[in-house]
Each structure stands twice: as C-alpha cells, then as structure tokens.
Amino acid sequence: MVFCGISRNFSLVGEGQYNTIGAFWDEMSDLYGMENLQGLGYLWQNGTISYAIGLKSGVIDGANLRITLPDDNWVTVEGKTHKLKEIYDCIYQKGPLKYEIETFSNDGNCKIKYYR
C-alpha cells in the first residue's frame, strides 16, 4: 500500500500532539472534507512524531510524502473520537508502533489501523 500526503512534525511533549494534530486535521478538513481524509503517524523519535494527511482516494495537492506501507498484519480499533487518548493508551500498552492510520467521521467516530 502506498500513502501520499502532506507531512509535518509534531511534538509529543505533554501529549500536546492531540491539539496540534487536531488543528492540522481541521485545516485539511476545511479544504477536503474530513471523511475524504486519512492520517498517517510514523517515525516517532526524540519526542516528536511525523504525521501526514492524505486523501483516501487519489493524491492530495502539495503532497510531500510518498511512503510504501505493509499490506498485511494491521490491527484495527474503532471508537469515539472524544476518547482518542484512551484508545491510544490501550494500544500503546503493548509497545510502540511503526505506523498508524487514522480516519474520522463527522458523526464523532474514529478508526485506527496500526502496525507494529
């Protein structure tokens, strides 16, 4: 699977990434619509995460990331967006991730696919 998107780096200090990545989602949702997008978390290092947002179908304008991801062995978790921190707390109890792909819906639901 190939993911194409606009990538930025975010600090993980104090769990502030929930707000800053959320603002990135708001910015991109205003342009493309939330339900047309997917987010990719990757490359956790030195207190930062690289995070990209791309289209579920097609290539987003201004894409600065093209990455080949594994096709198999992803785990999927679904829940409510307002419980995102709690969902990730459960996911990380079993160790760090290599990749995560997030999608969000306008009705407050989220889906997270992750790969270790």
PDB file of N, CA and C in Angstrom:
ATOM      1  N   MET A   1       0.845  -1.162   0.000  1.00  0.00           N
ATOM      2  CA  MET A   1       0.000   0.000   0.000  1.00  0.00           C
ATOM      3  C   MET A   1       0.898   1.234   0.000  1.00  0.00           C
ATOM      4  N   VAL A   2       0.515   2.237  -0.755  1.00  0.00           N
ATOM      5  CA  VAL A   2       1.276   3.477  -0.823  1.00  0.00           C
ATOM      6  C   VAL A   2       0.428   4.600  -0.234  1.00  0.00           C
ATOM      7  N   PHE A   3       1.035   5.383   0.647  1.00  0.00           N
ATOM      8  CA  PHE A   3       0.372   6.536   1.256  1.00  0.00           C
ATOM      9  C   PHE A   3       1.047   7.787   0.724  1.00  0.00           C
ATOM     10  N   CYS A   4       0.254   8.706   0.193  1.00  0.00           N
ATOM     11  CA  CYS A   4       0.743  10.012  -0.259  1.00  0.00           C
ATOM     12  C   CYS A   4       0.037  11.085   0.548  1.00  0.00           C
ATOM     13  N   GLY A   5       0.792  12.031   1.073  1.00  0.00           N
ATOM     14  CA  GLY A   5       0.156  13.072   1.863  1.00  0.00           C
ATOM     15  C   GLY A   5       1.069  14.238   2.154  1.00  0.00           C
ATOM     16  N   ILE A   6       0.539  15.150   2.924  1.00  0.00           N
ATOM     17  CA  ILE A   6       1.283  16.315   3.390  1.00  0.00           C
ATOM     18  C   ILE A   6       1.762  15.988   4.794  1.00  0.00           C
ATOM     19  N   SER A   7       3.068  15.991   4.985  1.00  0.00           N
ATOM     20  CA  SER A   7       3.664  15.572   6.252  1.00  0.00           C
ATOM     21  C   SER A   7       4.215  16.765   7.023  1.00  0.00           C
ATOM     22  N   ARG A   8       4.017  16.705   8.327  1.00  0.00           N
ATOM     23  CA  ARG A   8       4.572  17.695   9.251  1.00  0.00           C
ATOM     24  C   ARG A   8       5.075  16.950  10.484  1.00  0.00           C
ATOM     25  N   ASN A   9       5.917  17.607  11.260  1.00  0.00           N
ATOM     26  CA  ASN A   9       6.417  17.040  12.510  1.00  0.00           C
ATOM     27  C   ASN A   9       5.732  17.719  13.689  1.00  0.00           C
ATOM     28  N   PHE A  10       5.441  16.926  14.723  1.00  0.00           N
ATOM     29  CA  PHE A  10       4.740  17.423  15.900  1.00  0.00           C
ATOM     30  C   PHE A  10       5.433  16.944  17.162  1.00  0.00           C
ATOM     31  N   SER A  11       5.422  17.796  18.172  1.00  0.00           N
ATOM     32  CA  SER A  11       5.983  17.444  19.468  1.00  0.00           C
ATOM     33  C   SER A  11       5.042  16.505  20.212  1.00  0.00           C
ATOM     34  N   LEU A  12       5.632  15.543  20.918  1.00  0.00           N
ATOM     35  CA  LEU A  12       4.874  14.633  21.772  1.00  0.00           C
ATOM     36  C   LEU A  12       4.928  15.064  23.235  1.00  0.00           C
ATOM     37  N   VAL A  13       5.611  16.135  23.546  1.00  0.00           N
ATOM     38  CA  VAL A  13       5.792  16.589  24.913  1.00  0.00           C
ATOM     39  C   VAL A  13       4.442  17.000  25.505  1.00  0.00           C
ATOM     40  N   GLY A  14       4.135  16.446  26.649  1.00  0.00           N
ATOM     41  CA  GLY A  14       2.898  16.795  27.347  1.00  0.00           C
ATOM     42  C   GLY A  14       1.642  16.376  26.612  1.00  0.00           C
ATOM     43  N   GLU A  15       1.764  15.440  25.703  1.00  0.00           N
ATOM     44  CA  GLU A  15       0.640  14.955  24.893  1.00  0.00           C
ATOM     45  C   GLU A  15      -0.046  16.078  24.109  1.00  0.00           C
ATOM     46  N   GLY A  16       0.699  17.128  23.814  1.00  0.00           N
ATOM     47  CA  GLY A  16       0.172  18.253  23.051  1.00  0.00           C
ATOM     48  C   GLY A  16      -0.164  17.917  21.615  1.00  0.00           C
ATOM     49  N   GLN A  17       0.294  16.747  21.132  1.00  0.00           N
ATOM     50  CA  GLN A  17       0.034  16.364  19.749  1.00  0.00           C
ATOM     51  C   GLN A  17      -1.459  16.223  19.465  1.00  0.00           C
ATOM     52  N   TYR A  18      -2.256  15.920  20.495  1.00  0.00           N
ATOM     53  CA  TYR A  18      -3.700  15.793  20.253  1.00  0.00           C
ATOM     54  C   TYR A  18      -4.282  17.123  19.769  1.00  0.00           C
ATOM     55  N   ASN A  19      -3.785  18.228  20.318  1.00  0.00           N
ATOM     56  CA  ASN A  19      -4.267  19.548  19.894  1.00  0.00           C
ATOM     57  C   ASN A  19      -3.653  19.985  18.571  1.00  0.00           C
ATOM     58  N   THR A  20      -2.341  19.798  18.425  1.00  0.00           N
ATOM     59  CA  THR A  20      -1.678  20.299  17.218  1.00  0.00           C
ATOM     60  C   THR A  20      -2.026  19.461  15.987  1.00  0.00           C
ATOM     61  N   ILE A  21      -2.089  18.146  16.140  1.00  0.00           N
ATOM     62  CA  ILE A  21      -2.512  17.315  15.007  1.00  0.00           C
ATOM     63  C   ILE A  21      -3.990  17.550  14.738  1.00  0.00           C
ATOM     64  N   GLY A  22      -4.771  17.780  15.783  1.00  0.00           N
ATOM     65  CA  GLY A  22      -6.190  18.118  15.601  1.00  0.00           C
ATOM     66  C   GLY A  22      -6.368  19.387  14.782  1.00  0.00           C
ATOM     67  N   ALA A  23      -5.533  20.391  15.031  1.00  0.00           N
ATOM     68  CA  ALA A  23      -5.599  21.641  14.251  1.00  0.00           C
ATOM     69  C   ALA A  23      -5.218  21.381  12.787  1.00  0.00           C
ATOM     70  N   PHE A  24      -4.232  20.492  12.559  1.00  0.00           N
ATOM     71  CA  PHE A  24      -3.847  20.095  11.200  1.00  0.00           C
ATOM     72  C   PHE A  24      -5.042  19.433  10.506  1.00  0.00           C
ATOM     73  N   TRP A  25      -5.732  18.545  11.219  1.00  0.00           N
ATOM     74  CA  TRP A  25      -6.933  17.906  10.666  1.00  0.00           C
ATOM     75  C   TRP A  25      -7.996  18.945  10.334  1.00  0.00           C
ATOM     76  N   ASP A  26      -8.204  19.913  11.219  1.00  0.00           N
ATOM     77  CA  ASP A  26      -9.203  20.966  10.961  1.00  0.00           C
ATOM     78  C   ASP A  26      -8.858  21.727   9.688  1.00  0.00           C
ATOM     79  N   GLU A  27      -7.587  22.089   9.549  1.00  0.00           N
ATOM     80  CA  GLU A  27      -7.111  22.818   8.369  1.00  0.00           C
ATOM     81  C   GLU A  27      -7.374  22.027   7.084  1.00  0.00           C
ATOM     82  N   MET A  28      -7.013  20.749   7.097  1.00  0.00           N
ATOM     83  CA  MET A  28      -7.175  19.925   5.900  1.00  0.00           C
ATOM     84  C   MET A  28      -8.641  19.573   5.644  1.00  0.00           C
ATOM     85  N   SER A  29      -9.416  19.400   6.709  1.00  0.00           N
ATOM     86  CA  SER A  29     -10.843  19.094   6.564  1.00  0.00           C
ATOM     87  C   SER A  29     -11.594  20.259   5.932  1.00  0.00           C
ATOM     88  N   ASP A  30     -11.183  21.488   6.254  1.00  0.00           N
ATOM     89  CA  ASP A  30     -11.808  22.658   5.637  1.00  0.00           C
ATOM     90  C   ASP A  30     -11.622  22.648   4.122  1.00  0.00           C
ATOM     91  N   LEU A  31     -10.515  22.086   3.663  1.00  0.00           N
ATOM     92  CA  LEU A  31     -10.215  22.045   2.229  1.00  0.00           C
ATOM     93  C   LEU A  31     -10.813  20.828   1.521  1.00  0.00           C
ATOM     94  N   TYR A  32     -10.789  19.678   2.180  1.00  0.00           N
ATOM     95  CA  TYR A  32     -11.111  18.418   1.503  1.00  0.00           C
ATOM     96  C   TYR A  32     -12.286  17.647   2.103  1.00  0.00           C
ATOM     97  N   GLY A  33     -12.733  18.034   3.281  1.00  0.00           N
ATOM     98  CA  GLY A  33     -13.779  17.283   3.963  1.00  0.00           C
ATOM     99  C   GLY A  33     -13.175  16.163   4.793  1.00  0.00           C
ATOM    100  N   MET A  34     -13.539  16.096   6.049  1.00  0.00           N
ATOM    101  CA  MET A  34     -12.942  15.136   6.977  1.00  0.00           C
ATOM    102  C   MET A  34     -13.070  13.695   6.495  1.00  0.00           C
ATOM    103  N   GLU A  35     -14.212  13.330   5.964  1.00  0.00           N
ATOM    104  CA  GLU A  35     -14.440  11.933   5.610  1.00  0.00           C
ATOM    105  C   GLU A  35     -13.707  11.492   4.350  1.00  0.00           C
ATOM    106  N   ASN A  36     -13.047  12.444   3.664  1.00  0.00           N
ATOM    107  CA  ASN A  36     -12.238  12.111   2.488  1.00  0.00           C
ATOM    108  C   ASN A  36     -10.765  11.900   2.829  1.00  0.00           C
ATOM    109  N   LEU A  37     -10.411  12.113   4.093  1.00  0.00           N
ATOM    110  CA  LEU A  37      -9.003  12.131   4.504  1.00  0.00           C
ATOM    111  C   LEU A  37      -8.625  10.938   5.370  1.00  0.00           C
ATOM    112  N   GLN A  38      -7.328  10.685   5.407  1.00  0.00           N
ATOM    113  CA  GLN A  38      -6.753   9.721   6.340  1.00  0.00           C
ATOM    114  C   GLN A  38      -5.425  10.290   6.821  1.00  0.00           C
ATOM    115  N   GLY A  39      -5.092   9.990   8.066  1.00  0.00           N
ATOM    116  CA  GLY A  39      -3.848  10.477   8.649  1.00  0.00           C
ATOM    117  C   GLY A  39      -2.911   9.323   8.935  1.00  0.00           C
ATOM    118  N   LEU A  40      -1.631   9.560   8.748  1.00  0.00           N
ATOM    119  CA  LEU A  40      -0.601   8.550   8.975  1.00  0.00           C
ATOM    120  C   LEU A  40       0.400   9.067   9.996  1.00  0.00           C
ATOM    121  N   GLY A  41       0.511   8.347  11.114  1.00  0.00           N
ATOM    122  CA  GLY A  41       1.562   8.617  12.085  1.00  0.00           C
ATOM    123  C   GLY A  41       2.713   7.665  11.829  1.00  0.00           C
ATOM    124  N   TYR A  42       3.928   8.180  11.835  1.00  0.00           N
ATOM    125  CA  TYR A  42       5.116   7.368  11.568  1.00  0.00           C
ATOM    126  C   TYR A  42       6.336   8.095  12.131  1.00  0.00           C
ATOM    127  N   LEU A  43       7.426   7.402  12.238  1.00  0.00           N
ATOM    128  CA  LEU A  43       8.717   7.961  12.632  1.00  0.00           C
ATOM    129  C   LEU A  43       8.663   8.743  13.955  1.00  0.00           C
ATOM    130  N   TRP A  44       8.422   7.980  15.024  1.00  0.00           N
ATOM    131  CA  TRP A  44       8.495   8.542  16.363  1.00  0.00           C
ATOM    132  C   TRP A  44       9.962   8.581  16.758  1.00  0.00           C
ATOM    133  N   GLN A  45      10.463   9.771  17.104  1.00  0.00           N
ATOM    134  CA  GLN A  45      11.863   9.883  17.544  1.00  0.00           C
ATOM    135  C   GLN A  45      12.099  11.199  18.261  1.00  0.00           C
ATOM    136  N   ASN A  46      12.934  11.156  19.283  1.00  0.00           N
ATOM    137  CA  ASN A  46      13.354  12.351  20.015  1.00  0.00           C
ATOM    138  C   ASN A  46      12.183  13.237  20.439  1.00  0.00           C
ATOM    139  N   GLY A  47      11.107  12.628  20.929  1.00  0.00           N
ATOM    140  CA  GLY A  47       9.975  13.405  21.420  1.00  0.00           C
ATOM    141  C   GLY A  47       9.105  14.016  20.343  1.00  0.00           C
ATOM    142  N   THR A  48       9.213  13.518  19.109  1.00  0.00           N
ATOM    143  CA  THR A  48       8.379  14.027  18.020  1.00  0.00           C
ATOM    144  C   THR A  48       7.739  12.868  17.256  1.00  0.00           C
ATOM    145  N   ILE A  49       6.726  13.197  16.498  1.00  0.00           N
ATOM    146  CA  ILE A  49       6.094  12.268  15.577  1.00  0.00           C
ATOM    147  C   ILE A  49       5.984  12.957  14.228  1.00  0.00           C
ATOM    148  N   SER A  50       6.243  12.206  13.173  1.00  0.00           N
ATOM    149  CA  SER A  50       5.942  12.685  11.826  1.00  0.00           C
ATOM    150  C   SER A  50       4.530  12.222  11.521  1.00  0.00           C
ATOM    151  N   TYR A  51       3.719  13.124  10.990  1.00  0.00           N
ATOM    152  CA  TYR A  51       2.310  12.827  10.752  1.00  0.00           C
ATOM    153  C   TYR A  51       1.913  13.447   9.418  1.00  0.00           C
ATOM    154  N   ALA A  52       1.257  12.645   8.592  1.00  0.00           N
ATOM    155  CA  ALA A  52       0.841  13.109   7.268  1.00  0.00           C
ATOM    156  C   ALA A  52      -0.662  12.939   7.116  1.00  0.00           C
ATOM    157  N   ILE A  53      -1.256  13.811   6.347  1.00  0.00           N
ATOM    158  CA  ILE A  53      -2.667  13.689   5.984  1.00  0.00           C
ATOM    159  C   ILE A  53      -2.754  13.601   4.472  1.00  0.00           C
ATOM    160  N   GLY A  54      -3.512  12.615   4.015  1.00  0.00           N
ATOM    161  CA  GLY A  54      -3.714  12.407   2.584  1.00  0.00           C
ATOM    162  C   GLY A  54      -5.158  12.040   2.305  1.00  0.00           C
ATOM    163  N   LEU A  55      -5.474  11.950   1.040  1.00  0.00           N
ATOM    164  CA  LEU A  55      -6.807  11.548   0.625  1.00  0.00           C
ATOM    165  C   LEU A  55      -6.956  10.033   0.715  1.00  0.00           C
ATOM    166  N   LYS A  56      -8.160   9.573   1.013  1.00  0.00           N
ATOM    167  CA  LYS A  56      -8.421   8.132   0.994  1.00  0.00           C
ATOM    168  C   LYS A  56      -8.316   7.602  -0.428  1.00  0.00           C
ATOM    169  N   SER A  57      -8.623   8.444  -1.387  1.00  0.00           N
ATOM    170  CA  SER A  57      -8.552   8.069  -2.793  1.00  0.00           C
ATOM    171  C   SER A  57      -7.927   9.214  -3.578  1.00  0.00           C
ATOM    172  N   GLY A  58      -6.833   8.949  -4.251  1.00  0.00           N
ATOM    173  CA  GLY A  58      -6.155   9.984  -5.022  1.00  0.00           C
ATOM    174  C   GLY A  58      -4.995  10.579  -4.249  1.00  0.00           C
ATOM    175  N   VAL A  59      -4.394  11.606  -4.833  1.00  0.00           N
ATOM    176  CA  VAL A  59      -3.229  12.270  -4.235  1.00  0.00           C
ATOM    177  C   VAL A  59      -3.602  13.704  -3.896  1.00  0.00           C
ATOM    178  N   ILE A  60      -3.342  14.083  -2.676  1.00  0.00           N
ATOM    179  CA  ILE A  60      -3.669  15.419  -2.178  1.00  0.00           C
ATOM    180  C   ILE A  60      -2.722  16.453  -2.799  1.00  0.00           C
ATOM    181  N   ASP A  61      -3.243  17.648  -3.080  1.00  0.00           N
ATOM    182  CA  ASP A  61      -2.417  18.743  -3.613  1.00  0.00           C
ATOM    183  C   ASP A  61      -1.323  19.094  -2.612  1.00  0.00           C
ATOM    184  N   GLY A  62      -0.114  19.265  -3.086  1.00  0.00           N
ATOM    185  CA  GLY A  62       1.004  19.662  -2.233  1.00  0.00           C
ATOM    186  C   GLY A  62       1.638  18.514  -1.462  1.00  0.00           C
ATOM    187  N   ALA A  63       1.330  17.274  -1.836  1.00  0.00           N
ATOM    188  CA  ALA A  63       1.890  16.120  -1.129  1.00  0.00           C
ATOM    189  C   ALA A  63       3.416  16.191  -1.112  1.00  0.00           C
ATOM    190  N   ASN A  64       3.992  15.999   0.072  1.00  0.00           N
ATOM    191  CA  ASN A  64       5.448  15.989   0.212  1.00  0.00           C
ATOM    192  C   ASN A  64       5.950  14.662   0.800  1.00  0.00           C
ATOM    193  N   LEU A  65       5.046  13.671   0.858  1.00  0.00           N
ATOM    194  CA  LEU A  65       5.406  12.361   1.362  1.00  0.00           C
ATOM    195  C   LEU A  65       4.765  11.289   0.491  1.00  0.00           C
ATOM    196  N   ARG A  66       5.570  10.341   0.112  1.00  0.00           N
ATOM    197  CA  ARG A  66       5.099   9.123  -0.562  1.00  0.00           C
ATOM    198  C   ARG A  66       5.844   7.983   0.108  1.00  0.00           C
ATOM    199  N   ILE A  67       5.094   7.108   0.783  1.00  0.00           N
ATOM    200  CA  ILE A  67       5.714   6.043   1.554  1.00  0.00           C
ATOM    201  C   ILE A  67       4.986   4.729   1.274  1.00  0.00           C
ATOM    202  N   THR A  68       5.762   3.676   1.105  1.00  0.00           N
ATOM    203  CA  THR A  68       5.191   2.349   0.917  1.00  0.00           C
ATOM    204  C   THR A  68       5.024   1.707   2.284  1.00  0.00           C
ATOM    205  N   LEU A  69       3.805   1.269   2.568  1.00  0.00           N
ATOM    206  CA  LEU A  69       3.459   0.656   3.846  1.00  0.00           C
ATOM    207  C   LEU A  69       3.175  -0.828   3.651  1.00  0.00           C
ATOM    208  N   PRO A  70       3.294  -1.610   4.707  1.00  0.00           N
ATOM    209  CA  PRO A  70       2.963  -3.037   4.604  1.00  0.00           C
ATOM    210  C   PRO A  70       1.496  -3.228   4.211  1.00  0.00           C
ATOM    211  N   ASP A  71       1.224  -4.287   3.478  1.00  0.00           N
ATOM    212  CA  ASP A  71      -0.145  -4.597   3.080  1.00  0.00           C
ATOM    213  C   ASP A  71      -0.894  -5.405   4.137  1.00  0.00           C
ATOM    214  N   ASP A  72      -0.189  -6.178   4.938  1.00  0.00           N
ATOM    215  CA  ASP A  72      -0.818  -7.113   5.865  1.00  0.00           C
ATOM    216  C   ASP A  72      -0.405  -6.849   7.309  1.00  0.00           C
ATOM    217  N   ASN A  73      -1.101  -7.541   8.226  1.00  0.00           N
ATOM    218  CA  ASN A  73      -0.792  -7.552   9.658  1.00  0.00           C
ATOM    219  C   ASN A  73      -1.081  -6.242  10.378  1.00  0.00           C
ATOM    220  N   TRP A  74      -2.064  -5.500   9.902  1.00  0.00           N
ATOM    221  CA  TRP A  74      -2.545  -4.312  10.583  1.00  0.00           C
ATOM    222  C   TRP A  74      -3.628  -4.724  11.573  1.00  0.00           C
ATOM    223  N   VAL A  75      -3.705  -4.044  12.684  1.00  0.00           N
ATOM    224  CA  VAL A  75      -4.765  -4.245  13.670  1.00  0.00           C
ATOM    225  C   VAL A  75      -5.671  -3.021  13.609  1.00  0.00           C
ATOM    226  N   THR A  76      -6.992  -3.244  13.639  1.00  0.00           N
ATOM    227  CA  THR A  76      -7.952  -2.154  13.550  1.00  0.00           C
ATOM    228  C   THR A  76      -8.724  -2.011  14.855  1.00  0.00           C
ATOM    229  N   VAL A  77      -8.842  -0.770  15.311  1.00  0.00           N
ATOM    230  CA  VAL A  77      -9.612  -0.423  16.500  1.00  0.00           C
ATOM    231  C   VAL A  77     -10.560   0.703  16.108  1.00  0.00           C
ATOM    232  N   GLU A  78     -11.805   0.611  16.548  1.00  0.00           N
ATOM    233  CA  GLU A  78     -12.778   1.667  16.280  1.00  0.00           C
ATOM    234  C   GLU A  78     -13.313   2.199  17.594  1.00  0.00           C
ATOM    235  N   GLY A  79     -13.671   3.477  17.603  1.00  0.00           N
ATOM    236  CA  GLY A  79     -14.207   4.076  18.821  1.00  0.00           C
ATOM    237  C   GLY A  79     -14.716   5.477  18.559  1.00  0.00           C
ATOM    238  N   LYS A  80     -14.890   6.208  19.628  1.00  0.00           N
ATOM    239  CA  LYS A  80     -15.363   7.592  19.571  1.00  0.00           C
ATOM    240  C   LYS A  80     -14.164   8.537  19.584  1.00  0.00           C
ATOM    241  N   THR A  81     -14.216   9.531  18.736  1.00  0.00           N
ATOM    242  CA  THR A  81     -13.108  10.479  18.618  1.00  0.00           C
ATOM    243  C   THR A  81     -12.808  11.153  19.958  1.00  0.00           C
ATOM    244  N   HIS A  82     -13.817  11.476  20.748  1.00  0.00           N
ATOM    245  CA  HIS A  82     -13.560  12.152  22.024  1.00  0.00           C
ATOM    246  C   HIS A  82     -12.840  11.244  23.021  1.00  0.00           C
ATOM    247  N   LYS A  83     -12.713   9.974  22.718  1.00  0.00           N
ATOM    248  CA  LYS A  83     -11.983   9.025  23.575  1.00  0.00           C
ATOM    249  C   LYS A  83     -10.635   8.630  22.955  1.00  0.00           C
ATOM    250  N   LEU A  84     -10.138   9.428  22.023  1.00  0.00           N
ATOM    251  CA  LEU A  84      -8.919   9.096  21.288  1.00  0.00           C
ATOM    252  C   LEU A  84      -7.732   8.825  22.209  1.00  0.00           C
ATOM    253  N   LYS A  85      -7.528   9.653  23.218  1.00  0.00           N
ATOM    254  CA  LYS A  85      -6.399   9.445  24.128  1.00  0.00           C
ATOM    255  C   LYS A  85      -6.508   8.094  24.832  1.00  0.00           C
ATOM    256  N   GLU A  86      -7.695   7.747  25.302  1.00  0.00           N
ATOM    257  CA  GLU A  86      -7.887   6.468  25.985  1.00  0.00           C
ATOM    258  C   GLU A  86      -7.647   5.294  25.031  1.00  0.00           C
ATOM    259  N   ILE A  87      -8.078   5.437  23.783  1.00  0.00           N
ATOM    260  CA  ILE A  87      -7.849   4.387  22.785  1.00  0.00           C
ATOM    261  C   ILE A  87      -6.351   4.167  22.598  1.00  0.00           C
ATOM    262  N   TYR A  88      -5.606   5.269  22.436  1.00  0.00           N
ATOM    263  CA  TYR A  88      -4.156   5.142  22.256  1.00  0.00           C
ATOM    264  C   TYR A  88      -3.460   4.627  23.510  1.00  0.00           C
ATOM    265  N   ASP A  89      -3.955   4.999  24.678  1.00  0.00           N
ATOM    266  CA  ASP A  89      -3.365   4.459  25.912  1.00  0.00           C
ATOM    267  C   ASP A  89      -3.429   2.934  25.892  1.00  0.00           C
ATOM    268  N   CYS A  90      -4.555   2.373  25.454  1.00  0.00           N
ATOM    269  CA  CYS A  90      -4.698   0.909  25.370  1.00  0.00           C
ATOM    270  C   CYS A  90      -3.767   0.325  24.303  1.00  0.00           C
ATOM    271  N   ILE A  91      -3.704   0.964  23.163  1.00  0.00           N
ATOM    272  CA  ILE A  91      -2.860   0.472  22.064  1.00  0.00           C
ATOM    273  C   ILE A  91      -1.393   0.425  22.490  1.00  0.00           C
ATOM    274  N   TYR A  92      -0.917   1.483  23.140  1.00  0.00           N
ATOM    275  CA  TYR A  92       0.500   1.578  23.492  1.00  0.00           C
ATOM    276  C   TYR A  92       0.892   0.719  24.681  1.00  0.00           C
ATOM    277  N   GLN A  93      -0.076   0.149  25.391  1.00  0.00           N
ATOM    278  CA  GLN A  93       0.263  -0.745  26.498  1.00  0.00           C
ATOM    279  C   GLN A  93       1.067  -1.947  26.015  1.00  0.00           C
ATOM    280  N   LYS A  94       0.892  -2.313  24.747  1.00  0.00           N
ATOM    281  CA  LYS A  94       1.599  -3.475  24.207  1.00  0.00           C
ATOM    282  C   LYS A  94       2.862  -3.095  23.449  1.00  0.00           C
ATOM    283  N   GLY A  95       3.264  -1.830  23.530  1.00  0.00           N
ATOM    284  CA  GLY A  95       4.517  -1.419  22.911  1.00  0.00           C
ATOM    285  C   GLY A  95       4.357  -0.378  21.828  1.00  0.00           C
ATOM    286  N   PRO A  96       5.486   0.101  21.317  1.00  0.00           N
ATOM    287  CA  PRO A  96       5.479   1.166  20.307  1.00  0.00           C
ATOM    288  C   PRO A  96       4.966   0.672  18.954  1.00  0.00           C
ATOM    289  N   LEU A  97       4.601   1.628  18.137  1.00  0.00           N
ATOM    290  CA  LEU A  97       4.094   1.349  16.793  1.00  0.00           C
ATOM    291  C   LEU A  97       5.120   1.754  15.750  1.00  0.00           C
ATOM    292  N   LYS A  98       4.984   1.162  14.591  1.00  0.00           N
ATOM    293  CA  LYS A  98       5.773   1.592  13.438  1.00  0.00           C
ATOM    294  C   LYS A  98       4.944   2.559  12.598  1.00  0.00           C
ATOM    295  N   TYR A  99       3.646   2.251  12.456  1.00  0.00           N
ATOM    296  CA  TYR A  99       2.729   3.109  11.694  1.00  0.00           C
ATOM    297  C   TYR A  99       1.353   3.082  12.336  1.00  0.00           C
ATOM    298  N   GLU A 100       0.610   4.173  12.135  1.00  0.00           N
ATOM    299  CA  GLU A 100      -0.797   4.224  12.486  1.00  0.00           C
ATOM    300  C   GLU A 100      -1.517   5.001  11.392  1.00  0.00           C
ATOM    301  N   ILE A 101      -2.701   4.530  11.032  1.00  0.00           N
ATOM    302  CA  ILE A 101      -3.527   5.238  10.055  1.00  0.00           C
ATOM    303  C   ILE A 101      -4.856   5.542  10.726  1.00  0.00           C
ATOM    304  N   GLU A 102      -5.229   6.815  10.726  1.00  0.00           N
ATOM    305  CA  GLU A 102      -6.462   7.254  11.370  1.00  0.00           C
ATOM    306  C   GLU A 102      -7.449   7.781  10.337  1.00  0.00           C
ATOM    307  N   THR A 103      -8.714   7.474  10.569  1.00  0.00           N
ATOM    308  CA  THR A 103      -9.795   8.115   9.828  1.00  0.00           C
ATOM    309  C   THR A 103     -10.839   8.562  10.837  1.00  0.00           C
ATOM    310  N   PHE A 104     -11.530   9.636  10.504  1.00  0.00           N
ATOM    311  CA  PHE A 104     -12.544  10.212  11.380  1.00  0.00           C
ATOM    312  C   PHE A 104     -13.809  10.467  10.581  1.00  0.00           C
ATOM    313  N   SER A 105     -14.946  10.368  11.253  1.00  0.00           N
ATOM    314  CA  SER A 105     -16.219  10.645  10.591  1.00  0.00           C
ATOM    315  C   SER A 105     -16.882  11.851  11.239  1.00  0.00           C
ATOM    316  N   ASN A 106     -17.772  12.466  10.503  1.00  0.00           N
ATOM    317  CA  ASN A 106     -18.465  13.653  11.001  1.00  0.00           C
ATOM    318  C   ASN A 106     -19.387  13.341  12.171  1.00  0.00           C
ATOM    319  N   ASP A 107     -19.740  12.071  12.366  1.00  0.00           N
ATOM    320  CA  ASP A 107     -20.626  11.713  13.474  1.00  0.00           C
ATOM    321  C   ASP A 107     -19.868  11.370  14.755  1.00  0.00           C
ATOM    322  N   GLY A 108     -18.542  11.657  14.797  1.00  0.00           N
ATOM    323  CA  GLY A 108     -17.777  11.503  16.024  1.00  0.00           C
ATOM    324  C   GLY A 108     -17.100  10.157  16.212  1.00  0.00           C
ATOM    325  N   ASN A 109     -17.038   9.361  15.168  1.00  0.00           N
ATOM    326  CA  ASN A 109     -16.377   8.067  15.260  1.00  0.00           C
ATOM    327  C   ASN A 109     -14.987   8.120  14.642  1.00  0.00           C
ATOM    328  N   CYS A 110     -14.117   7.211  15.086  1.00  0.00           N
ATOM    329  CA  CYS A 110     -12.781   7.121  14.517  1.00  0.00           C
ATOM    330  C   CYS A 110     -12.425   5.658  14.306  1.00  0.00           C
ATOM    331  N   LYS A 111     -11.501   5.466  13.371  1.00  0.00           N
ATOM    332  CA  LYS A 111     -10.960   4.133  13.118  1.00  0.00           C
ATOM    333  C   LYS A 111      -9.449   4.283  13.068  1.00  0.00           C
ATOM    334  N   ILE A 112      -8.767   3.420  13.799  1.00  0.00           N
ATOM    335  CA  ILE A 112      -7.309   3.434  13.841  1.00  0.00           C
ATOM    336  C   ILE A 112      -6.822   2.068  13.405  1.00  0.00           C
ATOM    337  N   LYS A 113      -5.978   2.070  12.386  1.00  0.00           N
ATOM    338  CA  LYS A 113      -5.268   0.852  11.972  1.00  0.00           C
ATOM    339  C   LYS A 113      -3.826   1.053  12.378  1.00  0.00           C
ATOM    340  N   TYR A 114      -3.268   0.069  13.059  1.00  0.00           N
ATOM    341  CA  TYR A 114      -1.873   0.234  13.460  1.00  0.00           C
ATOM    342  C   TYR A 114      -1.055  -1.001  13.121  1.00  0.00           C
ATOM    343  N   TYR A 115       0.249  -0.756  12.991  1.00  0.00           N
ATOM    344  CA  TYR A 115       1.209  -1.787  12.591  1.00  0.00           C
ATOM    345  C   TYR A 115       2.418  -1.669  13.506  1.00  0.00           C
ATOM    346  N   ARG A 116       2.808  -2.798  14.097  1.00  0.00           N
ATOM    347  CA  ARG A 116       3.993  -2.815  14.974  1.00  0.00           C
ATOM    348  C   ARG A 116       5.164  -3.395  14.225  1.00  0.00           C
TER     349      ARG A 116
END
